[in-house]
């Protein structure tokens, strides 16, 4: 099930990349003023993070990322979120696993968690909110999560999955839930997802 979810997330990321790579695409906005005025030093919070070498994010300093002028990702979902928070959200802290991070024209840091009934994937990226809206807006519902602008996304192409995208200063954090094979067929994948998002959101940090 994890492989299927990773494949779906990879397809979603590829779709964003395709929409962002062509300068003539009317859906592609310029870097917004919030991003232009936000630097990593301005948003980086002094805080403790997990130090397991296997969980560390990749460097964001490469020629592909540098050429875009996009701000660096600050919030890393694999090292910033405490085990207590993950357990409170209903997932096994020991299941924490770094995903296939992307650092290129736009960047995403990815982390996976699991439980008996649900898998959770967290993506923290610097694709803009406008780009996200252009991609998923037609099948999303505007909501707020702890005061943040957010989207409840019900992708018709994702079977037994649901996600919430939460706006940040450099882009957005995606919280994607997918039901496991052990979950009842009658279980709605969106059930409880706003509680999960509200539990995790404080870990992003008020300055991010």
Protein backbone atom coordinates (compact mmCIF):
# COMPACT_ATOMS: atom_id res chain seq x y z
CA UNK A 1 0.00 0.00 0.00
CA UNK A 2 2.94 2.30 0.79
CA UNK A 3 4.32 1.78 -2.73
CA UNK A 4 0.96 2.68 -4.24
CA UNK A 5 0.74 5.85 -2.15
CA UNK A 6 4.30 6.88 -3.05
CA UNK A 7 3.46 6.33 -6.72
CA UNK A 8 0.37 8.54 -6.40
CA UNK A 9 2.35 11.27 -4.67
CA UNK A 10 5.07 11.06 -7.30
CA UNK A 11 2.44 11.47 -10.00
CA UNK A 12 1.00 14.50 -8.23
CA UNK A 13 4.44 16.09 -7.90
CA UNK A 14 5.19 15.38 -11.56
CA UNK A 15 1.92 17.08 -12.50
CA UNK A 16 2.91 20.21 -10.60
CA UNK A 17 6.33 20.15 -12.26
CA UNK A 18 4.74 19.96 -15.70
CA UNK A 19 2.49 22.92 -14.97
CA UNK A 20 5.38 24.97 -13.57
CA UNK A 21 8.01 24.27 -16.23
CA UNK A 22 6.47 26.21 -19.13
CA UNK A 23 6.72 29.97 -19.05
CA UNK A 24 3.70 30.27 -21.38
CA UNK A 25 1.38 28.43 -19.00
CA UNK A 26 -1.24 30.96 -17.87
CA UNK A 27 -1.78 28.99 -14.66
CA UNK A 28 1.79 29.64 -13.57
CA UNK A 29 2.09 32.73 -11.38
CA UNK A 30 5.22 34.70 -10.78
CA UNK A 31 6.88 34.28 -7.41
CA UNK A 32 4.55 36.14 -5.09
CA UNK A 33 5.50 39.06 -2.90
CA UNK A 34 5.33 36.96 0.26
CA UNK A 35 7.94 34.62 -1.16
CA UNK A 36 10.12 37.39 -2.53
CA UNK A 37 10.34 39.02 0.87
CA UNK A 38 10.87 35.81 2.84
CA UNK A 39 14.36 34.46 3.35
CA UNK A 40 15.36 31.20 5.09
CA UNK A 41 17.07 33.20 7.84
CA UNK A 42 13.87 35.16 8.45
CA UNK A 43 11.69 32.07 8.79
CA UNK A 44 14.07 29.59 10.42
CA UNK A 45 13.02 28.99 14.00
CA UNK A 46 15.45 28.08 16.74
CA UNK A 47 14.18 24.71 17.85
CA UNK A 48 15.22 21.15 18.59
CA UNK A 49 14.99 18.68 15.72
CA UNK A 50 15.46 14.93 15.46
CA UNK A 51 19.10 14.02 14.82
CA UNK A 52 18.81 10.52 13.35
CA UNK A 53 21.09 10.61 10.27
CA UNK A 54 18.56 8.60 8.25
CA UNK A 55 15.92 11.31 8.73
CA UNK A 56 17.92 14.38 7.72
CA UNK A 57 16.73 16.46 4.75
CA UNK A 58 18.91 16.92 1.68
CA UNK A 59 20.76 20.14 0.95
CA UNK A 60 18.72 22.71 -0.95
CA UNK A 61 21.85 24.21 -2.48
CA UNK A 62 22.05 22.94 -6.04
CA UNK A 63 22.05 24.69 -9.41
CA UNK A 64 18.47 23.65 -10.20
CA UNK A 65 16.98 25.03 -6.99
CA UNK A 66 19.16 28.15 -7.07
CA UNK A 67 18.09 29.05 -10.61
CA UNK A 68 14.41 29.45 -9.68
CA UNK A 69 14.68 32.16 -7.04
CA UNK A 70 12.21 30.28 -4.85
CA UNK A 71 12.70 30.47 -1.08
CA UNK A 72 14.11 27.45 0.72
CA UNK A 73 11.86 25.10 2.64
CA UNK A 74 12.07 25.69 6.38
CA UNK A 75 9.67 23.15 7.90
CA UNK A 76 10.93 19.57 7.58
CA UNK A 77 8.18 17.05 8.40
CA UNK A 78 10.59 14.24 9.23
CA UNK A 79 12.73 16.02 11.83
CA UNK A 80 10.49 18.76 13.22
CA UNK A 81 7.46 16.72 14.31
CA UNK A 82 7.68 15.09 17.73
CA UNK A 83 6.74 11.48 18.34
CA UNK A 84 4.15 12.68 20.84
CA UNK A 85 2.42 14.72 18.13
CA UNK A 86 2.44 11.82 15.66
CA UNK A 87 0.94 9.51 18.27
CA UNK A 88 -1.70 12.10 19.13
CA UNK A 89 -2.58 12.27 15.43
CA UNK A 90 -3.15 8.49 15.49
CA UNK A 91 0.03 7.17 13.89
CA UNK A 92 2.99 5.09 15.06
CA UNK A 93 6.01 7.29 15.74
CA UNK A 94 8.32 4.32 15.09
CA UNK A 95 6.99 4.11 11.53
CA UNK A 96 8.59 7.47 10.62
CA UNK A 97 10.34 7.10 7.26
CA UNK A 98 11.92 9.69 5.01
CA UNK A 99 10.41 9.80 1.52
CA UNK A 100 12.01 10.59 -1.81
CA UNK A 101 12.68 14.30 -1.35
CA UNK A 102 12.71 16.56 -4.38
CA UNK A 103 15.12 19.51 -4.69
CA UNK A 104 14.88 21.00 -8.15
CA UNK A 105 12.82 23.67 -9.95
CA UNK A 106 10.64 23.48 -6.89
CA UNK A 107 11.33 21.39 -3.79
CA UNK A 108 9.46 19.07 -1.44
CA UNK A 109 10.61 17.41 1.79
CA UNK A 110 8.63 14.21 2.38
CA UNK A 111 7.97 11.97 5.37
CA UNK A 112 5.76 8.90 5.82
CA UNK A 113 3.98 7.47 8.86
CA UNK A 114 1.60 4.56 9.26
CA UNK A 115 -1.05 3.03 11.49
CA UNK A 116 -3.28 -0.02 11.25
CA UNK A 117 -5.97 1.72 9.21
CA UNK A 118 -4.24 4.73 7.63
CA UNK A 119 -0.95 5.77 6.09
CA UNK A 120 0.09 9.41 6.33
CA UNK A 121 2.41 11.27 3.99
CA UNK A 122 3.56 14.80 4.78
CA UNK A 123 5.03 16.99 2.05
CA UNK A 124 6.51 20.41 2.80
CA UNK A 125 7.21 22.39 -0.35
CA UNK A 126 7.96 25.71 -1.96
CA UNK A 127 5.53 25.41 -4.86
CA UNK A 128 3.31 28.47 -4.43
CA UNK A 129 -0.20 28.49 -3.04
CA UNK A 130 -1.41 29.83 -6.40
CA UNK A 131 0.19 26.87 -8.16
CA UNK A 132 -1.49 24.47 -5.77
CA UNK A 133 -4.86 26.14 -6.31
CA UNK A 134 -4.42 25.92 -10.08
CA UNK A 135 -3.79 22.19 -9.78
CA UNK A 136 -6.33 21.00 -7.19
CA UNK A 137 -8.78 23.88 -6.83
CA UNK A 138 -11.50 22.28 -8.97
CA UNK A 139 -11.91 19.36 -6.55
CA UNK A 140 -11.06 21.10 -3.27
CA UNK A 141 -12.96 22.84 -0.50
CA UNK A 142 -11.47 25.96 1.13
CA UNK A 143 -11.12 25.52 4.90
CA UNK A 144 -8.96 26.84 7.71
CA UNK A 145 -6.66 24.82 9.95
CA UNK A 146 -5.73 26.56 13.21
CA UNK A 147 -6.19 29.90 11.48
CA UNK A 148 -4.21 28.98 8.37
CA UNK A 149 -5.68 29.05 4.89
CA UNK A 150 -6.11 25.46 3.75
CA UNK A 151 -7.76 23.15 1.22
CA UNK A 152 -9.61 19.88 1.80
CA UNK A 153 -8.67 17.95 -1.32
CA UNK A 154 -10.73 15.05 -2.62
CA UNK A 155 -8.87 13.94 -5.73
CA UNK A 156 -11.24 11.77 -7.81
CA UNK A 157 -8.25 9.85 -9.17
CA UNK A 158 -6.96 8.84 -5.73
CA UNK A 159 -8.83 5.78 -4.47
CA UNK A 160 -9.38 5.66 -0.68
CA UNK A 161 -7.29 8.78 -0.15
CA UNK A 162 -7.85 12.32 1.13
CA UNK A 163 -5.58 15.27 1.82
CA UNK A 164 -5.38 18.70 3.37
CA UNK A 165 -3.02 21.34 1.99
CA UNK A 166 -2.05 24.04 4.48
CA UNK A 167 -0.57 27.34 3.34
CA UNK A 168 2.85 28.42 4.63
CA UNK A 169 5.02 31.46 3.96
CA UNK A 170 7.11 29.64 1.37
CA UNK A 171 4.41 27.44 -0.16
CA UNK A 172 2.30 24.75 1.47
CA UNK A 173 2.35 21.57 3.53
CA UNK A 174 0.36 18.64 2.20
CA UNK A 175 -1.06 16.10 4.66
CA UNK A 176 -2.21 13.07 2.65
CA UNK A 177 -4.06 10.15 4.23
CA UNK A 178 -4.58 6.82 2.48
CA UNK A 179 -6.55 3.89 3.86
CA UNK A 180 -4.68 0.61 4.23
CA UNK A 181 -5.95 -2.80 3.13
CA UNK A 182 -7.05 -3.43 6.73
CA UNK A 183 -9.41 -0.46 6.74
CA UNK A 184 -13.13 -1.25 6.28
CA UNK A 185 -14.46 -0.49 2.81
CA UNK A 186 -17.12 1.68 4.43
CA UNK A 187 -14.55 3.98 6.07
CA UNK A 188 -14.40 7.44 4.53
CA UNK A 189 -10.74 8.42 4.00
CA UNK A 190 -11.55 12.04 4.90
CA UNK A 191 -13.00 11.10 8.30
CA UNK A 192 -10.87 12.69 11.01
CA UNK A 193 -8.42 14.32 8.62
CA UNK A 194 -9.11 17.83 9.93
CA UNK A 195 -8.24 16.61 13.44
CA UNK A 196 -5.00 15.13 12.10
CA UNK A 197 -4.13 18.41 10.36
CA UNK A 198 -4.97 20.48 13.45
CA UNK A 199 -2.74 18.25 15.57
CA UNK A 200 0.23 18.53 13.21
CA UNK A 201 -0.12 22.21 12.21
CA UNK A 202 1.47 23.70 15.38
CA UNK A 203 4.71 21.84 14.55
CA UNK A 204 5.10 23.97 11.41
CA UNK A 205 5.77 27.01 13.58
CA UNK A 206 4.05 30.38 13.63
CA UNK A 207 6.85 32.06 11.67
CA UNK A 208 6.72 29.60 8.76
